[in-house]
PDB file of N, CA and C in Angstrom:
ATOM      1  N   MET A   1      46.790 -14.280  15.096  1.00  0.00           N
ATOM      2  CA  MET A   1      46.559 -13.112  14.268  1.00  0.00           C
ATOM      3  C   MET A   1      46.973 -13.440  12.836  1.00  0.00           C
ATOM      4  N   ALA A   2      46.158 -13.067  11.894  1.00  0.00           N
ATOM      5  CA  ALA A   2      46.443 -13.339  10.481  1.00  0.00           C
ATOM      6  C   ALA A   2      47.607 -12.477  10.011  1.00  0.00           C
ATOM      7  N   ASP A   3      48.351 -13.033   9.087  1.00  0.00           N
ATOM      8  CA  ASP A   3      49.489 -12.319   8.513  1.00  0.00           C
ATOM      9  C   ASP A   3      48.977 -11.243   7.556  1.00  0.00           C
ATOM     10  N   CYS A   4      49.137  -9.982   7.911  1.00  0.00           N
ATOM     11  CA  CYS A   4      48.665  -8.868   7.081  1.00  0.00           C
ATOM     12  C   CYS A   4      49.627  -8.564   5.939  1.00  0.00           C
ATOM     13  N   MET A   5      50.756  -9.190   5.946  1.00  0.00           N
ATOM     14  CA  MET A   5      51.765  -8.924   4.915  1.00  0.00           C
ATOM     15  C   MET A   5      51.775 -10.036   3.872  1.00  0.00           C
ATOM     16  N   THR A   6      50.611 -10.456   3.435  1.00  0.00           N
ATOM     17  CA  THR A   6      50.500 -11.504   2.433  1.00  0.00           C
ATOM     18  C   THR A   6      51.217 -11.066   1.169  1.00  0.00           C
ATOM     19  N   ASN A   7      51.960 -11.975   0.597  1.00  0.00           N
ATOM     20  CA  ASN A   7      52.655 -11.671  -0.652  1.00  0.00           C
ATOM     21  C   ASN A   7      51.737 -11.958  -1.823  1.00  0.00           C
ATOM     22  N   TYR A   8      51.223 -10.898  -2.412  1.00  0.00           N
ATOM     23  CA  TYR A   8      50.348 -11.041  -3.563  1.00  0.00           C
ATOM     24  C   TYR A   8      51.189 -11.097  -4.821  1.00  0.00           C
ATOM     25  N   THR A   9      50.784 -11.962  -5.729  1.00  0.00           N
ATOM     26  CA  THR A   9      51.465 -12.042  -7.014  1.00  0.00           C
ATOM     27  C   THR A   9      50.917 -10.968  -7.941  1.00  0.00           C
ATOM     28  N   ASP A  10      51.624 -10.724  -9.026  1.00  0.00           N
ATOM     29  CA  ASP A  10      51.117  -9.774 -10.024  1.00  0.00           C
ATOM     30  C   ASP A  10      49.751 -10.217 -10.528  1.00  0.00           C
ATOM     31  N   LYS A  11      49.578 -11.525 -10.696  1.00  0.00           N
ATOM     32  CA  LYS A  11      48.298 -12.045 -11.175  1.00  0.00           C
ATOM     33  C   LYS A  11      47.193 -11.747 -10.163  1.00  0.00           C
ATOM     34  N   ASN A  12      47.458 -11.923  -8.859  1.00  0.00           N
ATOM     35  CA  ASN A  12      46.465 -11.604  -7.820  1.00  0.00           C
ATOM     36  C   ASN A  12      46.075 -10.132  -7.877  1.00  0.00           C
ATOM     37  N   ILE A  13      47.052  -9.287  -8.025  1.00  0.00           N
ATOM     38  CA  ILE A  13      46.803  -7.841  -8.052  1.00  0.00           C
ATOM     39  C   ILE A  13      45.999  -7.463  -9.295  1.00  0.00           C
ATOM     40  N   MET A  14      46.360  -8.016 -10.446  1.00  0.00           N
ATOM     41  CA  MET A  14      45.650  -7.701 -11.686  1.00  0.00           C
ATOM     42  C   MET A  14      44.227  -8.264 -11.658  1.00  0.00           C
ATOM     43  N   THR A  15      44.051  -9.438 -11.073  1.00  0.00           N
ATOM     44  CA  THR A  15      42.709 -10.013 -10.949  1.00  0.00           C
ATOM     45  C   THR A  15      41.842  -9.131 -10.070  1.00  0.00           C
ATOM     46  N   ASP A  16      42.404  -8.647  -8.981  1.00  0.00           N
ATOM     47  CA  ASP A  16      41.672  -7.732  -8.115  1.00  0.00           C
ATOM     48  C   ASP A  16      41.336  -6.447  -8.866  1.00  0.00           C
ATOM     49  N   ALA A  17      42.277  -5.947  -9.654  1.00  0.00           N
ATOM     50  CA  ALA A  17      42.048  -4.704 -10.402  1.00  0.00           C
ATOM     51  C   ALA A  17      40.920  -4.860 -11.413  1.00  0.00           C
ATOM     52  N   ILE A  18      40.897  -5.978 -12.131  1.00  0.00           N
ATOM     53  CA  ILE A  18      39.853  -6.144 -13.146  1.00  0.00           C
ATOM     54  C   ILE A  18      38.481  -6.336 -12.490  1.00  0.00           C
ATOM     55  N   GLU A  19      38.435  -7.062 -11.383  1.00  0.00           N
ATOM     56  CA  GLU A  19      37.165  -7.235 -10.679  1.00  0.00           C
ATOM     57  C   GLU A  19      36.682  -5.906 -10.102  1.00  0.00           C
ATOM     58  N   THR A  20      37.598  -5.114  -9.594  1.00  0.00           N
ATOM     59  CA  THR A  20      37.244  -3.794  -9.074  1.00  0.00           C
ATOM     60  C   THR A  20      36.704  -2.904 -10.184  1.00  0.00           C
ATOM     61  N   GLN A  21      37.359  -2.908 -11.342  1.00  0.00           N
ATOM     62  CA  GLN A  21      36.900  -2.093 -12.466  1.00  0.00           C
ATOM     63  C   GLN A  21      35.528  -2.534 -12.948  1.00  0.00           C
ATOM     64  N   LYS A  22      35.259  -3.821 -12.940  1.00  0.00           N
ATOM     65  CA  LYS A  22      33.927  -4.303 -13.324  1.00  0.00           C
ATOM     66  C   LYS A  22      32.882  -3.758 -12.350  1.00  0.00           C
ATOM     67  N   PHE A  23      33.208  -3.764 -11.069  1.00  0.00           N
ATOM     68  CA  PHE A  23      32.296  -3.242 -10.054  1.00  0.00           C
ATOM     69  C   PHE A  23      32.077  -1.739 -10.238  1.00  0.00           C
ATOM     70  N   VAL A  24      33.167  -1.008 -10.458  1.00  0.00           N
ATOM     71  CA  VAL A  24      33.092   0.450 -10.617  1.00  0.00           C
ATOM     72  C   VAL A  24      32.270   0.820 -11.847  1.00  0.00           C
ATOM     73  N   THR A  25      32.502   0.146 -12.973  1.00  0.00           N
ATOM     74  CA  THR A  25      31.739   0.473 -14.183  1.00  0.00           C
ATOM     75  C   THR A  25      30.261   0.164 -13.985  1.00  0.00           C
ATOM     76  N   GLY A  26      29.965  -0.876 -13.244  1.00  0.00           N
ATOM     77  CA  GLY A  26      28.567  -1.186 -12.952  1.00  0.00           C
ATOM     78  C   GLY A  26      27.896  -0.074 -12.164  1.00  0.00           C
ATOM     79  N   GLY A  27      28.610   0.490 -11.209  1.00  0.00           N
ATOM     80  CA  GLY A  27      28.066   1.583 -10.408  1.00  0.00           C
ATOM     81  C   GLY A  27      27.822   2.840 -11.224  1.00  0.00           C
ATOM     82  N   TYR A  28      28.792   3.192 -12.065  1.00  0.00           N
ATOM     83  CA  TYR A  28      28.609   4.379 -12.908  1.00  0.00           C
ATOM     84  C   TYR A  28      27.530   4.144 -13.957  1.00  0.00           C
ATOM     85  N   ASN A  29      27.428   2.936 -14.463  1.00  0.00           N
ATOM     86  CA  ASN A  29      26.373   2.630 -15.428  1.00  0.00           C
ATOM     87  C   ASN A  29      25.003   2.790 -14.773  1.00  0.00           C
ATOM     88  N   TRP A  30      24.846   2.251 -13.558  1.00  0.00           N
ATOM     89  CA  TRP A  30      23.585   2.389 -12.835  1.00  0.00           C
ATOM     90  C   TRP A  30      23.279   3.862 -12.597  1.00  0.00           C
ATOM     91  N   SER A  31      24.285   4.625 -12.185  1.00  0.00           N
ATOM     92  CA  SER A  31      24.078   6.041 -11.904  1.00  0.00           C
ATOM     93  C   SER A  31      23.655   6.806 -13.151  1.00  0.00           C
ATOM     94  N   ALA A  32      24.288   6.517 -14.273  1.00  0.00           N
ATOM     95  CA  ALA A  32      23.919   7.181 -15.529  1.00  0.00           C
ATOM     96  C   ALA A  32      22.500   6.812 -15.933  1.00  0.00           C
ATOM     97  N   ASN A  33      22.133   5.553 -15.756  1.00  0.00           N
ATOM     98  CA  ASN A  33      20.782   5.116 -16.109  1.00  0.00           C
ATOM     99  C   ASN A  33      19.712   5.792 -15.260  1.00  0.00           C
ATOM    100  N   GLU A  34      20.013   6.060 -14.011  1.00  0.00           N
ATOM    101  CA  GLU A  34      19.033   6.604 -13.075  1.00  0.00           C
ATOM    102  C   GLU A  34      19.052   8.129 -12.996  1.00  0.00           C
ATOM    103  N   CYS A  35      19.959   8.760 -13.686  1.00  0.00           N
ATOM    104  CA  CYS A  35      20.129  10.205 -13.567  1.00  0.00           C
ATOM    105  C   CYS A  35      19.082  10.963 -14.388  1.00  0.00           C
ATOM    106  N   ALA A  36      18.426  11.912 -13.750  1.00  0.00           N
ATOM    107  CA  ALA A  36      17.376  12.688 -14.415  1.00  0.00           C
ATOM    108  C   ALA A  36      17.904  13.969 -15.053  1.00  0.00           C
ATOM    109  N   HIS A  37      19.038  14.463 -14.617  1.00  0.00           N
ATOM    110  CA  HIS A  37      19.573  15.722 -15.118  1.00  0.00           C
ATOM    111  C   HIS A  37      20.576  15.457 -16.242  1.00  0.00           C
ATOM    112  N   PRO A  38      20.324  15.985 -17.453  1.00  0.00           N
ATOM    113  CA  PRO A  38      21.184  15.682 -18.608  1.00  0.00           C
ATOM    114  C   PRO A  38      22.657  16.025 -18.406  1.00  0.00           C
ATOM    115  N   ASN A  39      22.962  17.144 -17.777  1.00  0.00           N
ATOM    116  CA  ASN A  39      24.368  17.520 -17.595  1.00  0.00           C
ATOM    117  C   ASN A  39      25.088  16.564 -16.648  1.00  0.00           C
ATOM    118  N   ILE A  40      24.397  16.172 -15.590  1.00  0.00           N
ATOM    119  CA  ILE A  40      25.002  15.228 -14.643  1.00  0.00           C
ATOM    120  C   ILE A  40      25.138  13.853 -15.304  1.00  0.00           C
ATOM    121  N   LYS A  41      24.131  13.470 -16.077  1.00  0.00           N
ATOM    122  CA  LYS A  41      24.217  12.196 -16.795  1.00  0.00           C
ATOM    123  C   LYS A  41      25.433  12.190 -17.722  1.00  0.00           C
ATOM    124  N   ASN A  42      25.688  13.300 -18.402  1.00  0.00           N
ATOM    125  CA  ASN A  42      26.855  13.379 -19.286  1.00  0.00           C
ATOM    126  C   ASN A  42      28.162  13.213 -18.516  1.00  0.00           C
ATOM    127  N   VAL A  43      28.209  13.759 -17.309  1.00  0.00           N
ATOM    128  CA  VAL A  43      29.406  13.580 -16.468  1.00  0.00           C
ATOM    129  C   VAL A  43      29.576  12.106 -16.123  1.00  0.00           C
ATOM    130  N   PHE A  44      28.486  11.457 -15.716  1.00  0.00           N
ATOM    131  CA  PHE A  44      28.562  10.021 -15.419  1.00  0.00           C
ATOM    132  C   PHE A  44      29.012   9.234 -16.649  1.00  0.00           C
ATOM    133  N   MET A  45      28.493   9.596 -17.817  1.00  0.00           N
ATOM    134  CA  MET A  45      28.861   8.884 -19.045  1.00  0.00           C
ATOM    135  C   MET A  45      30.345   9.080 -19.374  1.00  0.00           C
ATOM    136  N   ASP A  46      30.862  10.291 -19.153  1.00  0.00           N
ATOM    137  CA  ASP A  46      32.291  10.540 -19.380  1.00  0.00           C
ATOM    138  C   ASP A  46      33.150   9.704 -18.430  1.00  0.00           C
ATOM    139  N   ILE A  47      32.757   9.682 -17.162  1.00  0.00           N
ATOM    140  CA  ILE A  47      33.495   8.882 -16.175  1.00  0.00           C
ATOM    141  C   ILE A  47      33.385   7.402 -16.519  1.00  0.00           C
ATOM    142  N   LEU A  48      32.188   6.964 -16.888  1.00  0.00           N
ATOM    143  CA  LEU A  48      31.984   5.561 -17.262  1.00  0.00           C
ATOM    144  C   LEU A  48      32.903   5.169 -18.414  1.00  0.00           C
ATOM    145  N   ASN A  49      33.004   6.033 -19.410  1.00  0.00           N
ATOM    146  CA  ASN A  49      33.893   5.749 -20.537  1.00  0.00           C
ATOM    147  C   ASN A  49      35.350   5.632 -20.078  1.00  0.00           C
ATOM    148  N   GLU A  50      35.786   6.551 -19.218  1.00  0.00           N
ATOM    149  CA  GLU A  50      37.153   6.489 -18.689  1.00  0.00           C
ATOM    150  C   GLU A  50      37.384   5.185 -17.929  1.00  0.00           C
ATOM    151  N   GLU A  51      36.421   4.791 -17.128  1.00  0.00           N
ATOM    152  CA  GLU A  51      36.550   3.558 -16.352  1.00  0.00           C
ATOM    153  C   GLU A  51      36.589   2.331 -17.264  1.00  0.00           C
ATOM    154  N   HIS A  52      35.798   2.364 -18.344  1.00  0.00           N
ATOM    155  CA  HIS A  52      35.851   1.258 -19.305  1.00  0.00           C
ATOM    156  C   HIS A  52      37.217   1.191 -19.987  1.00  0.00           C
ATOM    157  N   CYS A  53      37.817   2.333 -20.257  1.00  0.00           N
ATOM    158  CA  CYS A  53      39.163   2.350 -20.849  1.00  0.00           C
ATOM    159  C   CYS A  53      40.179   1.728 -19.892  1.00  0.00           C
ATOM    160  N   ILE A  54      40.066   2.059 -18.607  1.00  0.00           N
ATOM    161  CA  ILE A  54      40.956   1.458 -17.607  1.00  0.00           C
ATOM    162  C   ILE A  54      40.732  -0.047 -17.556  1.00  0.00           C
ATOM    163  N   LEU A  55      39.474  -0.456 -17.535  1.00  0.00           N
ATOM    164  CA  LEU A  55      39.137  -1.880 -17.521  1.00  0.00           C
ATOM    165  C   LEU A  55      39.757  -2.592 -18.711  1.00  0.00           C
ATOM    166  N   HIS A  56      39.658  -1.979 -19.885  1.00  0.00           N
ATOM    167  CA  HIS A  56      40.216  -2.602 -21.086  1.00  0.00           C
ATOM    168  C   HIS A  56      41.748  -2.671 -21.020  1.00  0.00           C
ATOM    169  N   ASP A  57      42.377  -1.650 -20.460  1.00  0.00           N
ATOM    170  CA  ASP A  57      43.837  -1.680 -20.293  1.00  0.00           C
ATOM    171  C   ASP A  57      44.261  -2.838 -19.384  1.00  0.00           C
ATOM    172  N   VAL A  58      43.531  -3.022 -18.294  1.00  0.00           N
ATOM    173  CA  VAL A  58      43.845  -4.133 -17.380  1.00  0.00           C
ATOM    174  C   VAL A  58      43.610  -5.462 -18.092  1.00  0.00           C
ATOM    175  N   PHE A  59      42.494  -5.565 -18.810  1.00  0.00           N
ATOM    176  CA  PHE A  59      42.206  -6.780 -19.576  1.00  0.00           C
ATOM    177  C   PHE A  59      43.331  -7.073 -20.568  1.00  0.00           C
ATOM    178  N   ASP A  60      43.741  -6.060 -21.332  1.00  0.00           N
ATOM    179  CA  ASP A  60      44.812  -6.256 -22.326  1.00  0.00           C
ATOM    180  C   ASP A  60      46.088  -6.783 -21.675  1.00  0.00           C
ATOM    181  N   GLU A  61      46.444  -6.216 -20.528  1.00  0.00           N
ATOM    182  CA  GLU A  61      47.657  -6.650 -19.838  1.00  0.00           C
ATOM    183  C   GLU A  61      47.525  -8.086 -19.337  1.00  0.00           C
ATOM    184  N   MET A  62      46.377  -8.413 -18.765  1.00  0.00           N
ATOM    185  CA  MET A  62      46.165  -9.779 -18.288  1.00  0.00           C
ATOM    186  C   MET A  62      46.142 -10.766 -19.455  1.00  0.00           C
ATOM    187  N   HIS A  63      45.489 -10.376 -20.526  1.00  0.00           N
ATOM    188  CA  HIS A  63      45.404 -11.246 -21.701  1.00  0.00           C
ATOM    189  C   HIS A  63      46.797 -11.484 -22.291  1.00  0.00           C
ATOM    190  N   ALA A  64      47.608 -10.440 -22.363  1.00  0.00           N
ATOM    191  CA  ALA A  64      48.971 -10.561 -22.898  1.00  0.00           C
ATOM    192  C   ALA A  64      49.823 -11.516 -22.058  1.00  0.00           C
ATOM    193  N   ARG A  65      49.546 -11.591 -20.767  1.00  0.00           N
ATOM    194  CA  ARG A  65      50.301 -12.462 -19.864  1.00  0.00           C
ATOM    195  C   ARG A  65      49.694 -13.868 -19.756  1.00  0.00           C
ATOM    196  N   GLY A  66      48.583 -14.082 -20.467  1.00  0.00           N
ATOM    197  CA  GLY A  66      47.937 -15.393 -20.429  1.00  0.00           C
ATOM    198  C   GLY A  66      47.068 -15.612 -19.212  1.00  0.00           C
ATOM    199  N   TRP A  67      46.745 -14.547 -18.489  1.00  0.00           N
ATOM    200  CA  TRP A  67      45.961 -14.655 -17.270  1.00  0.00           C
ATOM    201  C   TRP A  67      44.469 -14.457 -17.514  1.00  0.00           C
ATOM    202  N   TYR A  68      44.081 -14.085 -18.713  1.00  0.00           N
ATOM    203  CA  TYR A  68      42.670 -13.884 -19.054  1.00  0.00           C
ATOM    204  C   TYR A  68      42.481 -14.403 -20.475  1.00  0.00           C
ATOM    205  N   PRO A  69      42.524 -15.714 -20.624  1.00  0.00           N
ATOM    206  CA  PRO A  69      42.435 -16.279 -21.974  1.00  0.00           C
ATOM    207  C   PRO A  69      41.036 -16.115 -22.568  1.00  0.00           C
ATOM    208  N   THR A  70      40.994 -15.937 -23.852  1.00  0.00           N
ATOM    209  CA  THR A  70      39.729 -15.853 -24.569  1.00  0.00           C
ATOM    210  C   THR A  70      39.804 -16.786 -25.777  1.00  0.00           C
ATOM    211  N   GLU A  71      38.647 -17.148 -26.261  1.00  0.00           N
ATOM    212  CA  GLU A  71      38.583 -17.991 -27.449  1.00  0.00           C
ATOM    213  C   GLU A  71      38.067 -17.159 -28.605  1.00  0.00           C
ATOM    214  N   ASP A  72      38.585 -17.417 -29.796  1.00  0.00           N
ATOM    215  CA  ASP A  72      38.072 -16.750 -30.979  1.00  0.00           C
ATOM    216  C   ASP A  72      36.687 -17.290 -31.290  1.00  0.00           C
ATOM    217  N   ALA A  73      35.794 -16.386 -31.639  1.00  0.00           N
ATOM    218  CA  ALA A  73      34.445 -16.794 -32.008  1.00  0.00           C
ATOM    219  C   ALA A  73      34.454 -17.315 -33.444  1.00  0.00           C
ATOM    220  N   PRO A  74      33.718 -18.394 -33.704  1.00  0.00           N
ATOM    221  CA  PRO A  74      33.634 -18.903 -35.074  1.00  0.00           C
ATOM    222  C   PRO A  74      32.976 -17.862 -35.982  1.00  0.00           C
ATOM    223  N   SER A  75      33.422 -17.790 -37.228  1.00  0.00           N
ATOM    224  CA  SER A  75      32.886 -16.817 -38.189  1.00  0.00           C
ATOM    225  C   SER A  75      31.371 -16.909 -38.308  1.00  0.00           C
ATOM    226  N   ALA A  76      30.845 -18.119 -38.298  1.00  0.00           N
ATOM    227  CA  ALA A  76      29.394 -18.301 -38.429  1.00  0.00           C
ATOM    228  C   ALA A  76      28.658 -17.633 -37.271  1.00  0.00           C
ATOM    229  N   LYS A  77      29.193 -17.747 -36.071  1.00  0.00           N
ATOM    230  CA  LYS A  77      28.557 -17.136 -34.899  1.00  0.00           C
ATOM    231  C   LYS A  77      28.629 -15.609 -34.986  1.00  0.00           C
ATOM    232  N   ILE A  78      29.752 -15.085 -35.445  1.00  0.00           N
ATOM    233  CA  ILE A  78      29.903 -13.636 -35.612  1.00  0.00           C
ATOM    234  C   ILE A  78      28.863 -13.120 -36.604  1.00  0.00           C
ATOM    235  N   ASN A  79      28.724 -13.800 -37.726  1.00  0.00           N
ATOM    236  CA  ASN A  79      27.748 -13.395 -38.734  1.00  0.00           C
ATOM    237  C   ASN A  79      26.321 -13.486 -38.209  1.00  0.00           C
ATOM    238  N   GLU A  80      26.050 -14.505 -37.406  1.00  0.00           N
ATOM    239  CA  GLU A  80      24.712 -14.662 -36.816  1.00  0.00           C
ATOM    240  C   GLU A  80      24.379 -13.478 -35.912  1.00  0.00           C
ATOM    241  N   VAL A  81      25.344 -13.075 -35.091  1.00  0.00           N
ATOM    242  CA  VAL A  81      25.117 -11.941 -34.191  1.00  0.00           C
ATOM    243  C   VAL A  81      24.955 -10.651 -34.996  1.00  0.00           C
ATOM    244  N   LYS A  82      25.776 -10.476 -36.018  1.00  0.00           N
ATOM    245  CA  LYS A  82      25.651  -9.283 -36.869  1.00  0.00           C
ATOM    246  C   LYS A  82      24.257  -9.212 -37.481  1.00  0.00           C
ATOM    247  N   THR A  83      23.797 -10.318 -37.991  1.00  0.00           N
ATOM    248  CA  THR A  83      22.474 -10.374 -38.626  1.00  0.00           C
ATOM    249  C   THR A  83      21.384 -10.075 -37.603  1.00  0.00           C
ATOM    250  N   THR A  84      21.510 -10.638 -36.425  1.00  0.00           N
ATOM    251  CA  THR A  84      20.508 -10.428 -35.380  1.00  0.00           C
ATOM    252  C   THR A  84      20.419  -8.949 -35.009  1.00  0.00           C
ATOM    253  N   PHE A  85      21.556  -8.320 -34.766  1.00  0.00           N
ATOM    254  CA  PHE A  85      21.523  -6.940 -34.318  1.00  0.00           C
ATOM    255  C   PHE A  85      21.288  -5.948 -35.451  1.00  0.00           C
ATOM    256  N   THR A  86      21.663  -6.286 -36.652  1.00  0.00           N
ATOM    257  CA  THR A  86      21.344  -5.429 -37.785  1.00  0.00           C
ATOM    258  C   THR A  86      19.845  -5.414 -38.005  1.00  0.00           C
ATOM    259  N   GLY A  87      19.206  -6.542 -37.840  1.00  0.00           N
ATOM    260  CA  GLY A  87      17.767  -6.657 -38.017  1.00  0.00           C
ATOM    261  C   GLY A  87      16.980  -5.890 -36.974  1.00  0.00           C
ATOM    262  N   THR A  88      17.533  -5.736 -35.758  1.00  0.00           N
ATOM    263  CA  THR A  88      16.794  -5.048 -34.703  1.00  0.00           C
ATOM    264  C   THR A  88      16.888  -3.538 -34.833  1.00  0.00           C
ATOM    265  N   GLN A  89      17.820  -3.048 -35.619  1.00  0.00           N
ATOM    266  CA  GLN A  89      17.980  -1.606 -35.768  1.00  0.00           C
ATOM    267  C   GLN A  89      17.106  -1.034 -36.875  1.00  0.00           C
ATOM    268  N   ASN A  90      16.537  -1.886 -37.705  1.00  0.00           N
ATOM    269  CA  ASN A  90      15.722  -1.390 -38.816  1.00  0.00           C
ATOM    270  C   ASN A  90      14.291  -1.191 -38.420  1.00  0.00           C
TER     271      ASN A  90
END
């Protein structure tokens, strides 16, 4: 019989939390996209925003602990993306 009392580290728990939040936000995003009723869509959008805030909180905590490292984008790449998306809005 497998040991059900596995000792999870804080990193294991936080990794599970961030993956769960990614899954949850995907579900609410799909629901909002497919919703035909404006009032219900607004509820989904409110929940989606709350879930994204939770996701970002988990990300911030993991990043602060060095468990979710990110690289700074080069200035040239940032400007390229700005130019690309500014051009598509006009």
